[in-house]
Amino acid sequence: MPISPWRALSPDNGDHYLFFERRFRYIVEDPEHTWRRAWIPTVIACPVCEADTGLRLAFKTGMDAVVEAACPVGHTWVEPRVDVSQWMAYCRYRAGQQEIDWLWLIEAGFGEEPPPPIDYAQEIRKGAVEIAKYGRRKVRAKIRREVRSVKKKVSKRVRNEAMRPVAALLRTAWTMQAGGVEPVKTARRRPAEPKPPKTPPVAAYRKAYGVQAPAKGPTCLVCEDTGRITAPGISVPCVECDGPAAAALAAAERRADRARQGKDERRTTSK
């Protein structure tokens, strides 16, 4: 009976079906080892076409007595060499059910052959070839882009030169239609947006309305630049400022510094 390729692995439902891309191996006890049990992995092949890859093996609990196999061509046969209990344990292992008692079966080599080791040298060579191809494609694309841009500029210039007499003829027709007056040429550039008016300073408003500027108050609000705090029966020096003499001395030093730096001279010359 042919094995349906649409069957799915379901050990809990009694359906033990697997498809093997690589070769499948069952194990045989090594007769040469007498004091320790050893196993020899043996590959299964189709008895008709001798195909050993792409095989399908199936066993249905309660319906089949032995494991059935099928090759990619469609040949089917029974495989009594595969132990049913080992096959069911392997199917449970492939379904994700790890059983410690059956791990020796996997270590002995039962099941599908492992994939071949990765050839890193070959992978590196393939990667280098792909990178080189990618670089060549990028260089060719850049060259084609440059050529297209140059051809586009040249073709545009040639087209403009070819259309120049036609444009002159159209302008002449427009002039004659307008009564001999050249059409007004519109500016290509957009007119600049007007700048918002500047707000005059407060001093300009005071000058326009004749309002005097507020008088400058004292620097020290505690003693009002007198240097002493006075009250009925009290006269003590101010601790918040150095007094009017120190303020005058500091102002004189600032004026002297400006004079040395030439700031007052520039101010007088600018006036």
C-alpha atoms as a PDB file:
ATOM      1  CA  MET A   1       0.000   0.000   0.000  1.00  0.00           C
ATOM      2  CA  PRO A   2       1.567   3.357  -0.982  1.00  0.00           C
ATOM      3  CA  ILE A   3       2.429   5.763   1.810  1.00  0.00           C
ATOM      4  CA  SER A   4       0.574   9.061   1.554  1.00  0.00           C
ATOM      5  CA  PRO A   5       2.957  12.047   1.547  1.00  0.00           C
ATOM      6  CA  TRP A   6       0.312  14.112   3.336  1.00  0.00           C
ATOM      7  CA  ARG A   7       0.534  12.177   6.563  1.00  0.00           C
ATOM      8  CA  ALA A   8       1.883  13.952   9.607  1.00  0.00           C
ATOM      9  CA  LEU A   9       3.971  12.768  12.520  1.00  0.00           C
ATOM     10  CA  SER A  10       1.744  12.206  15.557  1.00  0.00           C
ATOM     11  CA  PRO A  11       3.100   9.580  17.973  1.00  0.00           C
ATOM     12  CA  ASP A  12       0.331  10.274  20.492  1.00  0.00           C
ATOM     13  CA  ASN A  13      -2.269   9.264  17.875  1.00  0.00           C
ATOM     14  CA  GLY A  14      -0.280   6.212  16.786  1.00  0.00           C
ATOM     15  CA  ASP A  15       0.868   7.702  13.455  1.00  0.00           C
ATOM     16  CA  HIS A  16       4.658   7.333  13.115  1.00  0.00           C
ATOM     17  CA  TYR A  17       5.510   8.892   9.753  1.00  0.00           C
ATOM     18  CA  LEU A  18       8.775  10.611   8.778  1.00  0.00           C
ATOM     19  CA  PHE A  19      10.374  11.842   5.577  1.00  0.00           C
ATOM     20  CA  PHE A  20      14.169  11.761   5.297  1.00  0.00           C
ATOM     21  CA  GLU A  21      16.068  14.049   2.986  1.00  0.00           C
ATOM     22  CA  ARG A  22      19.337  12.307   3.791  1.00  0.00           C
ATOM     23  CA  ARG A  23      20.008   8.594   4.199  1.00  0.00           C
ATOM     24  CA  PHE A  24      18.268   6.649   6.979  1.00  0.00           C
ATOM     25  CA  ARG A  25      20.165   4.110   9.084  1.00  0.00           C
ATOM     26  CA  TYR A  26      19.010   1.295  11.317  1.00  0.00           C
ATOM     27  CA  ILE A  27      21.356  -0.396  13.794  1.00  0.00           C
ATOM     28  CA  VAL A  28      22.596  -3.983  13.937  1.00  0.00           C
ATOM     29  CA  GLU A  29      24.435  -5.489  16.879  1.00  0.00           C
ATOM     30  CA  ASP A  30      28.133  -6.049  16.200  1.00  0.00           C
ATOM     31  CA  PRO A  31      28.868  -9.802  16.609  1.00  0.00           C
ATOM     32  CA  GLU A  32      32.600  -9.239  17.119  1.00  0.00           C
ATOM     33  CA  HIS A  33      32.062  -7.576  20.499  1.00  0.00           C
ATOM     34  CA  THR A  34      31.376 -10.294  23.070  1.00  0.00           C
ATOM     35  CA  TRP A  35      31.900  -8.544  26.379  1.00  0.00           C
ATOM     36  CA  ARG A  36      30.291  -5.190  25.396  1.00  0.00           C
ATOM     37  CA  ARG A  37      27.335  -4.494  23.106  1.00  0.00           C
ATOM     38  CA  ALA A  38      28.190  -2.401  20.054  1.00  0.00           C
ATOM     39  CA  TRP A  39      25.994  -1.307  17.182  1.00  0.00           C
ATOM     40  CA  ILE A  40      26.674  -0.941  13.462  1.00  0.00           C
ATOM     41  CA  PRO A  41      24.589   1.693  11.598  1.00  0.00           C
ATOM     42  CA  THR A  42      23.310   0.273   8.297  1.00  0.00           C
ATOM     43  CA  VAL A  43      21.801   2.349   5.493  1.00  0.00           C
ATOM     44  CA  ILE A  44      18.388   1.462   4.042  1.00  0.00           C
ATOM     45  CA  ALA A  45      17.964   1.587   0.258  1.00  0.00           C
ATOM     46  CA  CYS A  46      15.151   0.793  -2.153  1.00  0.00           C
ATOM     47  CA  PRO A  47      15.401  -2.850  -3.296  1.00  0.00           C
ATOM     48  CA  VAL A  48      14.271  -1.888  -6.813  1.00  0.00           C
ATOM     49  CA  CYS A  49      16.023   1.365  -7.722  1.00  0.00           C
ATOM     50  CA  GLU A  50      18.554   1.389  -4.863  1.00  0.00           C
ATOM     51  CA  ALA A  51      17.612   4.948  -3.876  1.00  0.00           C
ATOM     52  CA  ASP A  52      18.807   5.779  -0.361  1.00  0.00           C
ATOM     53  CA  THR A  53      17.735   9.440  -0.086  1.00  0.00           C
ATOM     54  CA  GLY A  54      14.265  10.945   0.022  1.00  0.00           C
ATOM     55  CA  LEU A  55      12.747   7.866   1.668  1.00  0.00           C
ATOM     56  CA  ARG A  56       9.457   7.840   3.588  1.00  0.00           C
ATOM     57  CA  LEU A  57       8.925   5.445   6.500  1.00  0.00           C
ATOM     58  CA  ALA A  58       5.612   4.919   8.261  1.00  0.00           C
ATOM     59  CA  PHE A  59       4.048   2.768  10.945  1.00  0.00           C
ATOM     60  CA  LYS A  60       0.468   2.952  12.208  1.00  0.00           C
ATOM     61  CA  THR A  61      -0.142   1.582  15.686  1.00  0.00           C
ATOM     62  CA  GLY A  62      -2.878  -1.047  15.697  1.00  0.00           C
ATOM     63  CA  MET A  63      -2.876  -1.441  11.909  1.00  0.00           C
ATOM     64  CA  ASP A  64       0.676  -2.256  10.778  1.00  0.00           C
ATOM     65  CA  ALA A  65       2.839  -5.113  11.977  1.00  0.00           C
ATOM     66  CA  VAL A  66       6.125  -3.865  10.482  1.00  0.00           C
ATOM     67  CA  VAL A  67       7.528  -0.569   9.273  1.00  0.00           C
ATOM     68  CA  GLU A  68       6.685   0.318   5.669  1.00  0.00           C
ATOM     69  CA  ALA A  69       9.009   2.307   3.404  1.00  0.00           C
ATOM     70  CA  ALA A  70       8.684   4.146   0.087  1.00  0.00           C
ATOM     71  CA  CYS A  71      11.219   5.750  -2.254  1.00  0.00           C
ATOM     72  CA  PRO A  72      10.798   8.983  -4.254  1.00  0.00           C
ATOM     73  CA  VAL A  73       9.981   7.002  -7.423  1.00  0.00           C
ATOM     74  CA  GLY A  74       7.017   5.309  -5.740  1.00  0.00           C
ATOM     75  CA  HIS A  75       8.312   1.853  -4.892  1.00  0.00           C
ATOM     76  CA  THR A  76       6.963   0.588  -1.555  1.00  0.00           C
ATOM     77  CA  TRP A  77       8.152  -2.330   0.543  1.00  0.00           C
ATOM     78  CA  VAL A  78       8.067  -3.583   4.107  1.00  0.00           C
ATOM     79  CA  GLU A  79      11.196  -3.129   6.181  1.00  0.00           C
ATOM     80  CA  PRO A  80      11.395  -5.825   8.882  1.00  0.00           C
ATOM     81  CA  ARG A  81      15.008  -4.882   9.637  1.00  0.00           C
ATOM     82  CA  VAL A  82      13.801  -1.734  11.422  1.00  0.00           C
ATOM     83  CA  ASP A  83      12.707  -2.647  14.921  1.00  0.00           C
ATOM     84  CA  VAL A  84       9.217  -1.303  15.611  1.00  0.00           C
ATOM     85  CA  SER A  85       9.965  -0.259  19.203  1.00  0.00           C
ATOM     86  CA  GLN A  86      13.119   1.556  18.111  1.00  0.00           C
ATOM     87  CA  TRP A  87      11.240   3.261  15.277  1.00  0.00           C
ATOM     88  CA  MET A  88       8.492   4.430  17.624  1.00  0.00           C
ATOM     89  CA  ALA A  89      11.071   5.730  20.111  1.00  0.00           C
ATOM     90  CA  TYR A  90      12.862   7.609  17.322  1.00  0.00           C
ATOM     91  CA  CYS A  91       9.576   9.147  16.156  1.00  0.00           C
ATOM     92  CA  ARG A  92       8.855  10.326  19.692  1.00  0.00           C
ATOM     93  CA  TYR A  93      12.360  11.814  19.807  1.00  0.00           C
ATOM     94  CA  ARG A  94      11.726  13.680  16.545  1.00  0.00           C
ATOM     95  CA  ALA A  95       8.398  14.889  17.931  1.00  0.00           C
ATOM     96  CA  GLY A  96      10.184  16.510  20.872  1.00  0.00           C
ATOM     97  CA  GLN A  97       9.588  13.892  23.546  1.00  0.00           C
ATOM     98  CA  GLN A  98      12.973  13.308  25.168  1.00  0.00           C
ATOM     99  CA  GLU A  99      13.215   9.890  26.811  1.00  0.00           C
ATOM    100  CA  ILE A 100      16.386   9.148  28.753  1.00  0.00           C
ATOM    101  CA  ASP A 101      16.010   5.401  28.332  1.00  0.00           C
ATOM    102  CA  TRP A 102      16.226   5.728  24.538  1.00  0.00           C
ATOM    103  CA  LEU A 103      19.083   8.220  24.188  1.00  0.00           C
ATOM    104  CA  TRP A 104      21.468   5.339  23.557  1.00  0.00           C
ATOM    105  CA  LEU A 105      19.565   4.712  20.320  1.00  0.00           C
ATOM    106  CA  ILE A 106      20.496   8.124  18.941  1.00  0.00           C
ATOM    107  CA  GLU A 107      24.094   7.749  20.104  1.00  0.00           C
ATOM    108  CA  ALA A 108      24.320   4.353  18.370  1.00  0.00           C
ATOM    109  CA  GLY A 109      23.510   6.002  15.021  1.00  0.00           C
ATOM    110  CA  PHE A 110      19.845   5.116  14.526  1.00  0.00           C
ATOM    111  CA  GLY A 111      17.921   7.559  12.341  1.00  0.00           C
ATOM    112  CA  GLU A 112      18.782  10.081   9.663  1.00  0.00           C
ATOM    113  CA  GLU A 113      22.412  10.796   8.929  1.00  0.00           C
ATOM    114  CA  PRO A 114      23.674  14.073  10.370  1.00  0.00           C
ATOM    115  CA  PRO A 115      24.331  16.882   7.908  1.00  0.00           C
ATOM    116  CA  PRO A 116      27.853  17.133   6.530  1.00  0.00           C
ATOM    117  CA  PRO A 117      30.239  19.500   8.301  1.00  0.00           C
ATOM    118  CA  ILE A 118      30.336  23.064   7.096  1.00  0.00           C
ATOM    119  CA  ASP A 119      33.169  23.779   4.684  1.00  0.00           C
ATOM    120  CA  TYR A 120      34.179  27.212   5.937  1.00  0.00           C
ATOM    121  CA  ALA A 121      36.776  27.674   3.195  1.00  0.00           C
ATOM    122  CA  GLN A 122      34.130  27.098   0.545  1.00  0.00           C
ATOM    123  CA  GLU A 123      31.685  29.391   2.336  1.00  0.00           C
ATOM    124  CA  ILE A 124      34.328  32.120   2.507  1.00  0.00           C
ATOM    125  CA  ARG A 125      35.044  31.714  -1.204  1.00  0.00           C
ATOM    126  CA  LYS A 126      31.340  31.922  -2.004  1.00  0.00           C
ATOM    127  CA  GLY A 127      31.001  35.009   0.180  1.00  0.00           C
ATOM    128  CA  ALA A 128      33.968  36.661  -1.533  1.00  0.00           C
ATOM    129  CA  VAL A 129      32.467  35.898  -4.956  1.00  0.00           C
ATOM    130  CA  GLU A 130      29.096  37.353  -3.914  1.00  0.00           C
ATOM    131  CA  ILE A 131      30.748  40.475  -2.507  1.00  0.00           C
ATOM    132  CA  ALA A 132      32.750  40.917  -5.713  1.00  0.00           C
ATOM    133  CA  LYS A 133      29.574  40.543  -7.793  1.00  0.00           C
ATOM    134  CA  TYR A 134      27.797  43.078  -5.599  1.00  0.00           C
ATOM    135  CA  GLY A 135      30.686  45.536  -5.976  1.00  0.00           C
ATOM    136  CA  ARG A 136      30.713  45.115  -9.762  1.00  0.00           C
ATOM    137  CA  ARG A 137      26.964  45.714  -9.904  1.00  0.00           C
ATOM    138  CA  LYS A 138      27.326  48.885  -7.866  1.00  0.00           C
ATOM    139  CA  VAL A 139      30.179  50.164 -10.048  1.00  0.00           C
ATOM    140  CA  ARG A 140      28.255  49.403 -13.238  1.00  0.00           C
ATOM    141  CA  ALA A 141      25.159  51.108 -11.871  1.00  0.00           C
ATOM    142  CA  LYS A 142      27.198  54.204 -10.995  1.00  0.00           C
ATOM    143  CA  ILE A 143      28.776  54.304 -14.455  1.00  0.00           C
ATOM    144  CA  ARG A 144      25.392  53.886 -16.137  1.00  0.00           C
ATOM    145  CA  ARG A 145      23.959  56.641 -13.940  1.00  0.00           C
ATOM    146  CA  GLU A 146      26.752  59.023 -14.939  1.00  0.00           C
ATOM    147  CA  VAL A 147      26.321  58.142 -18.614  1.00  0.00           C
ATOM    148  CA  ARG A 148      22.561  58.671 -18.389  1.00  0.00           C
ATOM    149  CA  SER A 149      22.994  62.069 -16.756  1.00  0.00           C
ATOM    150  CA  VAL A 150      25.462  63.187 -19.442  1.00  0.00           C
ATOM    151  CA  LYS A 151      23.234  61.881 -22.238  1.00  0.00           C
ATOM    152  CA  LYS A 152      20.245  63.621 -20.684  1.00  0.00           C
ATOM    153  CA  LYS A 153      22.074  66.957 -20.533  1.00  0.00           C
ATOM    154  CA  VAL A 154      23.329  66.631 -24.111  1.00  0.00           C
ATOM    155  CA  SER A 155      19.929  65.584 -25.452  1.00  0.00           C
ATOM    156  CA  LYS A 156      18.270  68.481 -23.623  1.00  0.00           C
ATOM    157  CA  ARG A 157      20.780  70.930 -25.083  1.00  0.00           C
ATOM    158  CA  VAL A 158      20.303  69.516 -28.590  1.00  0.00           C
ATOM    159  CA  ARG A 159      16.530  69.629 -28.217  1.00  0.00           C
ATOM    160  CA  ASN A 160      16.637  73.244 -27.064  1.00  0.00           C
ATOM    161  CA  GLU A 161      18.850  74.209 -29.992  1.00  0.00           C
ATOM    162  CA  ALA A 162      16.511  72.427 -32.394  1.00  0.00           C
ATOM    163  CA  MET A 163      13.443  74.136 -30.925  1.00  0.00           C
ATOM    164  CA  ARG A 164      15.014  77.596 -30.911  1.00  0.00           C
ATOM    165  CA  PRO A 165      13.720  78.564 -34.423  1.00  0.00           C
ATOM    166  CA  VAL A 166      10.278  77.262 -33.540  1.00  0.00           C
ATOM    167  CA  ALA A 167      10.291  79.359 -30.355  1.00  0.00           C
ATOM    168  CA  ALA A 168      11.355  82.442 -32.354  1.00  0.00           C
ATOM    169  CA  LEU A 169       8.535  81.837 -34.841  1.00  0.00           C
ATOM    170  CA  LEU A 170       6.024  81.489 -32.018  1.00  0.00           C
ATOM    171  CA  ARG A 171       7.248  84.719 -30.421  1.00  0.00           C
ATOM    172  CA  THR A 172       6.853  86.506 -33.754  1.00  0.00           C
ATOM    173  CA  ALA A 173       3.314  85.191 -34.094  1.00  0.00           C
ATOM    174  CA  TRP A 174       2.487  86.344 -30.580  1.00  0.00           C
ATOM    175  CA  THR A 175       3.931  89.783 -31.315  1.00  0.00           C
ATOM    176  CA  MET A 176       1.884  90.134 -34.492  1.00  0.00           C
ATOM    177  CA  GLN A 177      -1.241  88.967 -32.715  1.00  0.00           C
ATOM    178  CA  ALA A 178      -0.660  91.505 -29.913  1.00  0.00           C
ATOM    179  CA  GLY A 179      -0.298  94.362 -32.401  1.00  0.00           C
ATOM    180  CA  GLY A 180       3.461  94.535 -32.601  1.00  0.00           C
ATOM    181  CA  VAL A 181       4.055  94.657 -28.880  1.00  0.00           C
ATOM    182  CA  GLU A 182       6.426  92.196 -27.294  1.00  0.00           C
ATOM    183  CA  PRO A 183       4.735  90.055 -24.655  1.00  0.00           C
ATOM    184  CA  VAL A 184       5.625  90.983 -21.143  1.00  0.00           C
ATOM    185  CA  LYS A 185       8.228  88.626 -19.763  1.00  0.00           C
ATOM    186  CA  THR A 186       7.337  87.318 -16.380  1.00  0.00           C
ATOM    187  CA  ALA A 187      10.038  87.051 -13.803  1.00  0.00           C
ATOM    188  CA  ARG A 188      11.182  83.545 -13.136  1.00  0.00           C
ATOM    189  CA  ARG A 189      12.169  84.249  -9.581  1.00  0.00           C
ATOM    190  CA  ARG A 190       9.540  84.547  -6.936  1.00  0.00           C
ATOM    191  CA  PRO A 191       9.275  88.009  -5.396  1.00  0.00           C
ATOM    192  CA  ALA A 192      10.890  88.294  -2.023  1.00  0.00           C
ATOM    193  CA  GLU A 193       8.499  88.356   0.869  1.00  0.00           C
ATOM    194  CA  PRO A 194       8.318  91.742   2.625  1.00  0.00           C
ATOM    195  CA  LYS A 195      10.138  91.875   5.900  1.00  0.00           C
ATOM    196  CA  PRO A 196       8.043  92.623   8.968  1.00  0.00           C
ATOM    197  CA  PRO A 197       8.454  96.181  10.313  1.00  0.00           C
ATOM    198  CA  LYS A 198      10.883  96.595  13.149  1.00  0.00           C
ATOM    199  CA  THR A 199       9.475  97.579  16.513  1.00  0.00           C
ATOM    200  CA  PRO A 200      10.959 100.931  17.674  1.00  0.00           C
ATOM    201  CA  PRO A 201      12.723 100.976  21.033  1.00  0.00           C
ATOM    202  CA  VAL A 202      11.100 102.392  24.157  1.00  0.00           C
ATOM    203  CA  ALA A 203      13.321 105.477  24.000  1.00  0.00           C
ATOM    204  CA  ALA A 204      11.795 106.407  20.630  1.00  0.00           C
ATOM    205  CA  TYR A 205       8.292 106.231  22.101  1.00  0.00           C
ATOM    206  CA  ARG A 206       9.364 108.411  25.046  1.00  0.00           C
ATOM    207  CA  LYS A 207      10.880 110.958  22.680  1.00  0.00           C
ATOM    208  CA  ALA A 208       7.786 110.983  20.442  1.00  0.00           C
ATOM    209  CA  TYR A 209       5.361 111.453  23.333  1.00  0.00           C
ATOM    210  CA  GLY A 210       7.617 113.761  25.356  1.00  0.00           C
ATOM    211  CA  VAL A 211       7.816 111.439  28.314  1.00  0.00           C
ATOM    212  CA  GLN A 212      10.868 111.715  30.530  1.00  0.00           C
ATOM    213  CA  ALA A 213      12.820 108.619  31.393  1.00  0.00           C
ATOM    214  CA  PRO A 214      12.463 107.498  35.004  1.00  0.00           C
ATOM    215  CA  ALA A 215      15.244 108.674  37.240  1.00  0.00           C
ATOM    216  CA  LYS A 216      17.783 106.091  38.236  1.00  0.00           C
ATOM    217  CA  GLY A 217      17.249 104.997  41.801  1.00  0.00           C
ATOM    218  CA  PRO A 218      19.881 104.311  44.418  1.00  0.00           C
ATOM    219  CA  THR A 219      22.134 101.310  44.000  1.00  0.00           C
ATOM    220  CA  CYS A 220      21.809 100.206  47.626  1.00  0.00           C
ATOM    221  CA  LEU A 221      18.218 100.029  48.778  1.00  0.00           C
ATOM    222  CA  VAL A 222      19.227  99.651  52.447  1.00  0.00           C
ATOM    223  CA  CYS A 223      21.104 102.898  52.997  1.00  0.00           C
ATOM    224  CA  GLU A 224      20.081 104.647  49.742  1.00  0.00           C
ATOM    225  CA  ASP A 225      23.764 105.214  48.833  1.00  0.00           C
ATOM    226  CA  THR A 226      24.496 107.137  52.041  1.00  0.00           C
ATOM    227  CA  GLY A 227      26.763 104.506  53.514  1.00  0.00           C
ATOM    228  CA  ARG A 228      25.005 104.533  56.886  1.00  0.00           C
ATOM    229  CA  ILE A 229      21.775 103.189  58.270  1.00  0.00           C
ATOM    230  CA  THR A 230      20.095 105.916  60.304  1.00  0.00           C
ATOM    231  CA  ALA A 231      17.112 105.824  62.591  1.00  0.00           C
ATOM    232  CA  PRO A 232      16.004 107.812  65.636  1.00  0.00           C
ATOM    233  CA  GLY A 233      18.935 107.350  67.962  1.00  0.00           C
ATOM    234  CA  ILE A 234      20.784 104.949  65.633  1.00  0.00           C
ATOM    235  CA  SER A 235      23.535 105.559  63.053  1.00  0.00           C
ATOM    236  CA  VAL A 236      25.515 102.501  61.984  1.00  0.00           C
ATOM    237  CA  PRO A 237      27.544 101.833  58.837  1.00  0.00           C
ATOM    238  CA  CYS A 238      25.800  99.875  56.075  1.00  0.00           C
ATOM    239  CA  VAL A 239      26.937  96.292  55.694  1.00  0.00           C
ATOM    240  CA  GLU A 240      25.272  95.765  52.283  1.00  0.00           C
ATOM    241  CA  CYS A 241      27.473  98.234  50.378  1.00  0.00           C
ATOM    242  CA  ASP A 242      30.842  99.925  50.743  1.00  0.00           C
ATOM    243  CA  GLY A 243      29.428 103.427  50.896  1.00  0.00           C
ATOM    244  CA  PRO A 244      29.404 106.343  48.423  1.00  0.00           C
ATOM    245  CA  ALA A 245      33.153 106.842  48.592  1.00  0.00           C
ATOM    246  CA  ALA A 246      33.866 103.267  47.587  1.00  0.00           C
ATOM    247  CA  ALA A 247      31.213 103.470  44.845  1.00  0.00           C
ATOM    248  CA  ALA A 248      32.774 106.661  43.472  1.00  0.00           C
ATOM    249  CA  LEU A 249      36.228 105.052  43.613  1.00  0.00           C
ATOM    250  CA  ALA A 250      34.961 101.960  41.739  1.00  0.00           C
ATOM    251  CA  ALA A 251      33.319 104.183  39.109  1.00  0.00           C
ATOM    252  CA  ALA A 252      36.565 106.100  38.673  1.00  0.00           C
ATOM    253  CA  GLU A 253      38.484 102.850  38.249  1.00  0.00           C
ATOM    254  CA  ARG A 254      36.028 101.685  35.598  1.00  0.00           C
ATOM    255  CA  ARG A 255      36.392 104.963  33.710  1.00  0.00           C
ATOM    256  CA  ALA A 256      40.154 104.665  33.906  1.00  0.00           C
ATOM    257  CA  ASP A 257      40.012 101.109  32.550  1.00  0.00           C
ATOM    258  CA  ARG A 258      37.847 102.224  29.638  1.00  0.00           C
ATOM    259  CA  ALA A 259      40.215 105.068  28.942  1.00  0.00           C
ATOM    260  CA  ARG A 260      43.192 102.711  28.910  1.00  0.00           C
ATOM    261  CA  GLN A 261      41.366 100.343  26.555  1.00  0.00           C
ATOM    262  CA  GLY A 262      40.376 103.215  24.256  1.00  0.00           C
ATOM    263  CA  LYS A 263      36.646 102.696  24.560  1.00  0.00           C
ATOM    264  CA  ASP A 264      35.912 106.324  25.433  1.00  0.00           C
ATOM    265  CA  GLU A 265      37.991 107.511  22.462  1.00  0.00           C
ATOM    266  CA  ARG A 266      36.049 105.342  20.023  1.00  0.00           C
ATOM    267  CA  ARG A 267      32.779 106.505  21.557  1.00  0.00           C
ATOM    268  CA  THR A 268      33.748 110.158  21.184  1.00  0.00           C
ATOM    269  CA  THR A 269      34.978 109.680  17.602  1.00  0.00           C
ATOM    270  CA  SER A 270      31.800 107.810  16.615  1.00  0.00           C
ATOM    271  CA  LYS A 271      29.720 110.682  17.927  1.00  0.00           C
END
